Amino acid sequence: MFVLDTNAVIHFFKGKGRVADRLLATPPDDVALPAIVLYELERGARKQAGGDGRIERLARFIAAVHVLPFDQAAARHAAEIALHLESLGQSIGPMDTLIAATALAQGATLVTHNTNEFARVPGLKIDDWF
């Protein structure tokens, strides 16, 4: 399963990189979106001028993918990630911690262009479709 980071979805909408090609070549059942990413996308769409069109496009996109909840397993992974990276002085952003934890809890590969930050998370499989 591939779990999409926020920047992967934004690149898809903007037609940047190879994200659209890779996403469209992947079976929909193999693509998921963490609820945390959905929050970031919803917030961004509502914040931008002309957000109505973005909100509509986002709604169509969400209808085609599975949204993963932030559940008990993700919460445990998030705590482990945060404490481990803090001990190394290499923390990542709090939302990124939750996104990485969701991917780990699902045993999924995180699709992101933010490879430098997510590469710090032990055991997290990442793929850059950009």
C-alpha atoms as a PDB file:
ATOM      1  CA  MET A   1       0.000   0.000   0.000  1.00  0.00           C
ATOM      2  CA  PHE A   2       1.117   3.553  -0.760  1.00  0.00           C
ATOM      3  CA  VAL A   3       0.253   6.307   1.707  1.00  0.00           C
ATOM      4  CA  LEU A   4       0.391   9.816   0.256  1.00  0.00           C
ATOM      5  CA  ASP A   5       2.034  12.731   2.009  1.00  0.00           C
ATOM      6  CA  THR A   6       0.540  16.195   1.576  1.00  0.00           C
ATOM      7  CA  ASN A   7       3.169  17.327  -0.909  1.00  0.00           C
ATOM      8  CA  ALA A   8       2.515  14.302  -3.138  1.00  0.00           C
ATOM      9  CA  VAL A   9      -1.160  15.233  -3.437  1.00  0.00           C
ATOM     10  CA  ILE A  10      -0.312  18.883  -4.082  1.00  0.00           C
ATOM     11  CA  HIS A  11       2.148  17.852  -6.813  1.00  0.00           C
ATOM     12  CA  PHE A  12      -0.573  15.642  -8.298  1.00  0.00           C
ATOM     13  CA  PHE A  13      -3.030  18.558  -8.442  1.00  0.00           C
ATOM     14  CA  LYS A  14      -0.396  20.891  -9.905  1.00  0.00           C
ATOM     15  CA  GLY A  15       0.844  18.328 -12.439  1.00  0.00           C
ATOM     16  CA  LYS A  16       4.404  18.509 -11.104  1.00  0.00           C
ATOM     17  CA  GLY A  17       6.933  15.737 -11.473  1.00  0.00           C
ATOM     18  CA  ARG A  18       5.804  12.200 -12.248  1.00  0.00           C
ATOM     19  CA  VAL A  19       3.289  12.038  -9.399  1.00  0.00           C
ATOM     20  CA  ALA A  20       0.184  11.958 -11.621  1.00  0.00           C
ATOM     21  CA  ASP A  21       1.664   9.244 -13.857  1.00  0.00           C
ATOM     22  CA  ARG A  22       2.630   7.062 -10.903  1.00  0.00           C
ATOM     23  CA  LEU A  23      -0.652   7.650  -9.078  1.00  0.00           C
ATOM     24  CA  LEU A  24      -2.795   6.877 -12.111  1.00  0.00           C
ATOM     25  CA  ALA A  25      -0.755   3.715 -12.760  1.00  0.00           C
ATOM     26  CA  THR A  26      -1.366   2.463  -9.213  1.00  0.00           C
ATOM     27  CA  PRO A  27      -4.579   0.553  -8.431  1.00  0.00           C
ATOM     28  CA  PRO A  28      -6.883   2.730  -6.286  1.00  0.00           C
ATOM     29  CA  ASP A  29      -7.067   0.004  -3.628  1.00  0.00           C
ATOM     30  CA  ASP A  30      -3.297   0.405  -3.145  1.00  0.00           C
ATOM     31  CA  VAL A  31      -3.489   4.136  -2.378  1.00  0.00           C
ATOM     32  CA  ALA A  32      -4.459   5.689   0.936  1.00  0.00           C
ATOM     33  CA  LEU A  33      -4.370   9.054   2.623  1.00  0.00           C
ATOM     34  CA  PRO A  34      -3.731   9.616   6.335  1.00  0.00           C
ATOM     35  CA  ALA A  35      -6.465  11.642   8.032  1.00  0.00           C
ATOM     36  CA  ILE A  36      -3.718  14.086   9.034  1.00  0.00           C
ATOM     37  CA  VAL A  37      -2.926  14.725   5.353  1.00  0.00           C
ATOM     38  CA  LEU A  38      -6.616  15.214   4.662  1.00  0.00           C
ATOM     39  CA  TYR A  39      -6.687  17.842   7.421  1.00  0.00           C
ATOM     40  CA  GLU A  40      -3.722  19.679   5.860  1.00  0.00           C
ATOM     41  CA  LEU A  41      -5.302  19.567   2.397  1.00  0.00           C
ATOM     42  CA  GLU A  42      -8.728  20.680   3.631  1.00  0.00           C
ATOM     43  CA  ARG A  43      -7.177  23.536   5.562  1.00  0.00           C
ATOM     44  CA  GLY A  44      -5.099  24.625   2.574  1.00  0.00           C
ATOM     45  CA  ALA A  45      -8.023  24.454   0.159  1.00  0.00           C
ATOM     46  CA  ARG A  46     -10.185  26.581   2.449  1.00  0.00           C
ATOM     47  CA  LYS A  47      -7.404  29.091   3.133  1.00  0.00           C
ATOM     48  CA  GLN A  48      -6.579  29.842  -0.519  1.00  0.00           C
ATOM     49  CA  ALA A  49      -8.470  32.434  -2.528  1.00  0.00           C
ATOM     50  CA  GLY A  50     -10.733  30.631  -4.978  1.00  0.00           C
ATOM     51  CA  GLY A  51     -10.786  27.652  -2.637  1.00  0.00           C
ATOM     52  CA  ASP A  52     -14.197  26.515  -3.857  1.00  0.00           C
ATOM     53  CA  GLY A  53     -12.703  24.850  -6.929  1.00  0.00           C
ATOM     54  CA  ARG A  54      -9.969  23.328  -4.820  1.00  0.00           C
ATOM     55  CA  ILE A  55     -12.469  21.998  -2.319  1.00  0.00           C
ATOM     56  CA  GLU A  56     -14.428  20.348  -5.136  1.00  0.00           C
ATOM     57  CA  ARG A  57     -11.291  18.793  -6.668  1.00  0.00           C
ATOM     58  CA  LEU A  58     -10.212  17.578  -3.258  1.00  0.00           C
ATOM     59  CA  ALA A  59     -13.620  16.000  -2.625  1.00  0.00           C
ATOM     60  CA  ARG A  60     -13.394  14.079  -5.930  1.00  0.00           C
ATOM     61  CA  PHE A  61      -9.877  12.947  -5.064  1.00  0.00           C
ATOM     62  CA  ILE A  62     -10.899  11.787  -1.588  1.00  0.00           C
ATOM     63  CA  ALA A  63     -13.746   9.763  -3.052  1.00  0.00           C
ATOM     64  CA  ALA A  64     -11.158   7.737  -5.000  1.00  0.00           C
ATOM     65  CA  VAL A  65      -8.804   6.865  -2.133  1.00  0.00           C
ATOM     66  CA  HIS A  66      -9.083   5.295   1.287  1.00  0.00           C
ATOM     67  CA  VAL A  67      -8.615   7.679   4.245  1.00  0.00           C
ATOM     68  CA  LEU A  68      -6.692   6.125   7.117  1.00  0.00           C
ATOM     69  CA  PRO A  69      -7.669   7.102  10.649  1.00  0.00           C
ATOM     70  CA  PHE A  70      -5.141   8.104  13.263  1.00  0.00           C
ATOM     71  CA  ASP A  71      -5.728   5.134  15.529  1.00  0.00           C
ATOM     72  CA  GLN A  72      -4.203   3.453  18.568  1.00  0.00           C
ATOM     73  CA  ALA A  73      -1.408   1.769  16.588  1.00  0.00           C
ATOM     74  CA  ALA A  74      -0.523   5.058  14.872  1.00  0.00           C
ATOM     75  CA  ALA A  75      -0.489   6.842  18.241  1.00  0.00           C
ATOM     76  CA  ARG A  76       1.968   4.286  19.625  1.00  0.00           C
ATOM     77  CA  HIS A  77       4.223   4.624  16.569  1.00  0.00           C
ATOM     78  CA  ALA A  78       4.045   8.430  16.794  1.00  0.00           C
ATOM     79  CA  ALA A  79       5.180   8.410  20.417  1.00  0.00           C
ATOM     80  CA  GLU A  80       8.058   6.056  19.579  1.00  0.00           C
ATOM     81  CA  ILE A  81       9.113   8.167  16.567  1.00  0.00           C
ATOM     82  CA  ALA A  82       8.985  11.436  18.497  1.00  0.00           C
ATOM     83  CA  LEU A  83      10.940  10.142  21.482  1.00  0.00           C
ATOM     84  CA  HIS A  84      13.557   8.430  19.324  1.00  0.00           C
ATOM     85  CA  LEU A  85      14.168  11.455  17.083  1.00  0.00           C
ATOM     86  CA  GLU A  86      14.165  13.847  20.070  1.00  0.00           C
ATOM     87  CA  SER A  87      16.852  11.712  21.723  1.00  0.00           C
ATOM     88  CA  LEU A  88      18.988  12.174  18.600  1.00  0.00           C
ATOM     89  CA  GLY A  89      18.235  15.887  18.314  1.00  0.00           C
ATOM     90  CA  GLN A  90      16.656  15.204  14.904  1.00  0.00           C
ATOM     91  CA  SER A  91      12.956  15.839  15.458  1.00  0.00           C
ATOM     92  CA  ILE A  92      10.592  16.287  12.544  1.00  0.00           C
ATOM     93  CA  GLY A  93       7.423  18.362  12.480  1.00  0.00           C
ATOM     94  CA  PRO A  94       4.506  17.153  14.612  1.00  0.00           C
ATOM     95  CA  MET A  95       2.197  16.593  11.628  1.00  0.00           C
ATOM     96  CA  ASP A  96       4.946  14.706   9.802  1.00  0.00           C
ATOM     97  CA  THR A  97       5.405  12.529  12.882  1.00  0.00           C
ATOM     98  CA  LEU A  98       1.706  11.625  12.780  1.00  0.00           C
ATOM     99  CA  ILE A  99       1.805  10.986   9.015  1.00  0.00           C
ATOM    100  CA  ALA A 100       4.866   8.741   9.335  1.00  0.00           C
ATOM    101  CA  ALA A 101       3.252   6.899  12.236  1.00  0.00           C
ATOM    102  CA  THR A 102       0.119   6.241  10.195  1.00  0.00           C
ATOM    103  CA  ALA A 103       2.207   4.755   7.363  1.00  0.00           C
ATOM    104  CA  LEU A 104       4.188   2.598   9.805  1.00  0.00           C
ATOM    105  CA  ALA A 105       1.022   1.367  11.505  1.00  0.00           C
ATOM    106  CA  GLN A 106      -0.260   0.226   8.104  1.00  0.00           C
ATOM    107  CA  GLY A 107       3.058  -1.298   7.000  1.00  0.00           C
ATOM    108  CA  ALA A 108       2.812   1.025   3.998  1.00  0.00           C
ATOM    109  CA  THR A 109       5.236   3.014   1.881  1.00  0.00           C
ATOM    110  CA  LEU A 110       4.993   6.782   2.336  1.00  0.00           C
ATOM    111  CA  VAL A 111       5.005   8.691  -0.958  1.00  0.00           C
ATOM    112  CA  THR A 112       6.664  12.056  -0.341  1.00  0.00           C
ATOM    113  CA  HIS A 113       9.018  14.575  -1.875  1.00  0.00           C
ATOM    114  CA  ASN A 114      10.182  15.414   1.664  1.00  0.00           C
ATOM    115  CA  THR A 115      12.635  12.537   1.760  1.00  0.00           C
ATOM    116  CA  ASN A 116      15.271  14.253   3.907  1.00  0.00           C
ATOM    117  CA  GLU A 117      12.945  14.641   6.858  1.00  0.00           C
ATOM    118  CA  PHE A 118      11.098  11.330   6.595  1.00  0.00           C
ATOM    119  CA  ALA A 119      14.338   9.366   6.078  1.00  0.00           C
ATOM    120  CA  ARG A 120      15.075  10.030   9.773  1.00  0.00           C
ATOM    121  CA  VAL A 121      12.169   7.797  10.814  1.00  0.00           C
ATOM    122  CA  PRO A 122      13.443   4.270  11.546  1.00  0.00           C
ATOM    123  CA  GLY A 123      11.701   1.549   9.578  1.00  0.00           C
ATOM    124  CA  LEU A 124       9.667   3.935   7.419  1.00  0.00           C
ATOM    125  CA  LYS A 125       9.623   2.975   3.738  1.00  0.00           C
ATOM    126  CA  ILE A 126       9.547   6.060   1.526  1.00  0.00           C
ATOM    127  CA  ASP A 127       9.216   6.601  -2.207  1.00  0.00           C
ATOM    128  CA  ASP A 128       9.520   9.901  -4.058  1.00  0.00           C
ATOM    129  CA  TRP A 129       7.194   9.968  -7.066  1.00  0.00           C
ATOM    130  CA  PHE A 130       8.256  13.501  -7.994  1.00  0.00           C
END
